[in-house]
């Protein structure tokens, strides 16, 4: 559903609420209208959660008329804000999923230390083990490449002691 379709549907339902004749008198119609309003506000968590709370109150019987009127007024304000937001395309982008870095690419300001701090534990373990293997291989290659000279120097030092 596009923003304009959602805004036009909310405008129609808001007009029904502001008219108040059917909405205030018939509980089944009120529940039907609230059941249509709440899903239309799911594009914004704040609007959706608040609308659910007011719809829960308004879909029950036994409250005072002032309680219904307050909830109706708050729902009307929420719908007005949502309509304005949809018409002006003011809806912010959804937040990134938790645990992920919001920047898709590393920049020059973000070096290897930044990457190590922001990567997963599994990646850190892999980096650490790969580093140890590479360092071990380099040390072994250096030892075997220069062991004859190294051993002869150690023997010379021991003899001259």
Protein backbone atom coordinates (compact mmCIF):
# COMPACT_ATOMS: atom_id res chain seq x y z
CA UNK A 1 0.00 0.00 0.00
CA UNK A 2 1.41 3.35 -1.00
CA UNK A 3 1.49 6.40 1.23
CA UNK A 4 -1.22 8.18 -0.77
CA UNK A 5 -3.56 5.18 -0.61
CA UNK A 6 -2.96 4.85 3.12
CA UNK A 7 -3.56 8.59 3.63
CA UNK A 8 -6.84 8.56 1.66
CA UNK A 9 -8.10 5.53 3.62
CA UNK A 10 -7.21 7.24 6.89
CA UNK A 11 -9.00 10.43 5.76
CA UNK A 12 -12.20 8.49 5.08
CA UNK A 13 -12.05 6.73 8.44
CA UNK A 14 -11.21 9.98 10.22
CA UNK A 15 -14.29 11.60 8.69
CA UNK A 16 -16.40 8.75 10.05
CA UNK A 17 -14.93 9.22 13.52
CA UNK A 18 -15.39 13.00 13.43
CA UNK A 19 -19.01 12.56 12.31
CA UNK A 20 -19.53 10.38 15.39
CA UNK A 21 -23.09 9.21 14.75
CA UNK A 22 -22.36 5.58 13.90
CA UNK A 23 -19.07 5.44 15.75
CA UNK A 24 -20.53 6.46 19.12
CA UNK A 25 -23.77 4.53 19.00
CA UNK A 26 -23.02 1.09 17.56
CA UNK A 27 -20.33 -1.02 19.28
CA UNK A 28 -19.96 -3.44 16.35
CA UNK A 29 -19.44 -0.65 13.85
CA UNK A 30 -16.98 1.02 16.21
CA UNK A 31 -14.96 -2.21 16.45
CA UNK A 32 -15.09 -2.60 12.68
CA UNK A 33 -13.84 0.95 12.13
CA UNK A 34 -11.10 0.57 14.75
CA UNK A 35 -10.10 -2.72 13.15
CA UNK A 36 -9.59 -0.83 9.88
CA UNK A 37 -7.73 2.12 11.44
CA UNK A 38 -5.11 0.30 13.49
CA UNK A 39 -3.53 -1.70 10.60
CA UNK A 40 -3.28 1.48 8.52
CA UNK A 41 -1.05 3.03 11.19
CA UNK A 42 1.51 0.20 11.25
CA UNK A 43 3.99 2.21 9.15
CA UNK A 44 5.05 4.03 12.33
CA UNK A 45 5.51 2.15 15.60
CA UNK A 46 4.52 5.10 17.78
CA UNK A 47 1.24 5.69 15.95
CA UNK A 48 0.49 1.98 15.79
CA UNK A 49 1.09 1.26 19.49
CA UNK A 50 -0.87 4.32 20.66
CA UNK A 51 -3.74 3.55 18.29
CA UNK A 52 -3.86 -0.03 19.58
CA UNK A 53 -4.13 1.22 23.17
CA UNK A 54 -6.96 3.61 22.36
CA UNK A 55 -8.72 1.03 20.18
CA UNK A 56 -8.58 -1.48 23.06
CA UNK A 57 -10.29 1.01 25.36
CA UNK A 58 -12.86 2.17 22.81
CA UNK A 59 -13.84 -1.36 21.76
CA UNK A 60 -15.09 -2.15 25.26
CA UNK A 61 -18.27 -1.19 27.01
CA UNK A 62 -18.67 0.17 30.52
CA UNK A 63 -16.42 3.20 30.44
CA UNK A 64 -17.68 6.74 30.96
CA UNK A 65 -18.50 8.88 27.97
CA UNK A 66 -15.68 11.26 28.88
CA UNK A 67 -13.21 8.36 28.68
CA UNK A 68 -14.49 7.46 25.20
CA UNK A 69 -14.31 11.10 24.13
CA UNK A 70 -10.72 11.46 25.35
CA UNK A 71 -9.66 8.29 23.52
CA UNK A 72 -11.56 9.39 20.43
CA UNK A 73 -9.84 12.78 20.50
CA UNK A 74 -6.40 11.21 20.92
CA UNK A 75 -7.07 8.76 18.10
CA UNK A 76 -8.20 11.67 15.92
CA UNK A 77 -4.94 13.53 16.65
CA UNK A 78 -2.87 10.44 15.87
CA UNK A 79 -4.72 9.95 12.60
CA UNK A 80 -4.24 13.63 11.70
CA UNK A 81 -0.51 13.40 12.35
CA UNK A 82 -0.27 10.19 10.34
CA UNK A 83 -2.18 11.70 7.41
CA UNK A 84 0.08 14.76 7.37
CA UNK A 85 3.18 12.59 7.59
CA UNK A 86 1.99 10.40 4.72
CA UNK A 87 0.97 13.31 2.51
CA UNK A 88 4.25 15.17 3.02
CA UNK A 89 6.40 12.01 2.78
CA UNK A 90 7.89 12.73 6.19
CA UNK A 91 8.09 9.08 7.20
CA UNK A 92 11.63 8.39 8.39
CA UNK A 93 13.54 5.37 7.17
CA UNK A 94 13.18 2.35 9.42
CA UNK A 95 16.02 1.90 11.91
CA UNK A 96 18.66 -0.69 11.04
CA UNK A 97 18.31 -4.12 12.63
CA UNK A 98 20.05 -4.33 16.00
CA UNK A 99 23.60 -5.63 16.02
CA UNK A 100 24.45 -4.53 12.53
CA UNK A 101 26.60 -1.57 11.58
CA UNK A 102 24.58 1.15 9.90
CA UNK A 103 27.31 2.07 7.39
CA UNK A 104 27.43 -0.37 4.50
CA UNK A 105 31.02 0.38 3.51
CA UNK A 106 34.12 1.23 5.49
CA UNK A 107 35.51 4.68 4.88
CA UNK A 108 39.02 6.05 5.35
CA UNK A 109 38.08 7.20 8.85
CA UNK A 110 37.11 3.66 9.82
CA UNK A 111 40.25 1.57 10.06
CA UNK A 112 41.01 -1.97 11.07
CA UNK A 113 40.58 -1.24 14.79
CA UNK A 114 37.05 0.09 14.13
CA UNK A 115 36.28 -3.05 12.15
CA UNK A 116 37.54 -5.32 14.93
CA UNK A 117 35.44 -3.45 17.48
CA UNK A 118 32.26 -3.71 15.41
CA UNK A 119 32.51 -7.21 13.95
CA UNK A 120 30.94 -10.32 15.48
CA UNK A 121 32.68 -12.58 17.98
CA UNK A 122 32.90 -15.32 15.38
CA UNK A 123 34.72 -12.96 12.99
CA UNK A 124 37.09 -11.85 15.77
CA UNK A 125 37.96 -15.48 16.58
CA UNK A 126 38.57 -16.18 12.92
CA UNK A 127 40.82 -13.11 12.59
CA UNK A 128 42.76 -14.07 15.73
CA UNK A 129 43.30 -17.68 14.69
CA UNK A 130 44.30 -16.67 11.15
CA UNK A 131 46.77 -14.14 12.57
CA UNK A 132 48.31 -16.76 14.85
CA UNK A 133 48.65 -19.25 12.00
CA UNK A 134 50.29 -16.65 9.75
CA UNK A 135 52.68 -15.48 12.49
CA UNK A 136 53.56 -19.10 13.35
CA UNK A 137 54.24 -19.91 9.71
CA UNK A 138 56.43 -16.80 9.34
CA UNK A 139 58.39 -17.64 12.49
CA UNK A 140 58.86 -21.26 11.40
CA UNK A 141 60.02 -20.17 7.95
CA UNK A 142 62.46 -17.72 9.50
CA UNK A 143 63.77 -20.32 11.90
CA UNK A 144 64.31 -22.96 9.23
CA UNK A 145 65.80 -20.45 6.79
CA UNK A 146 68.36 -19.17 9.28
CA UNK A 147 68.77 -22.09 11.67
CA UNK A 148 72.26 -23.03 10.54
CA UNK A 149 73.56 -19.54 11.14
CA UNK A 150 71.52 -19.17 14.32
CA UNK A 151 72.72 -22.44 15.80
CA UNK A 152 76.33 -21.65 14.96
CA UNK A 153 75.99 -18.25 16.66
CA UNK A 154 74.48 -19.85 19.77
CA UNK A 155 77.32 -22.38 19.92
CA UNK A 156 79.89 -19.60 19.53
CA UNK A 157 78.28 -17.58 22.33
CA UNK A 158 78.27 -20.64 24.59
CA UNK A 159 81.90 -21.43 23.90
CA UNK A 160 83.04 -17.81 24.49
CA UNK A 161 81.27 -17.58 27.76
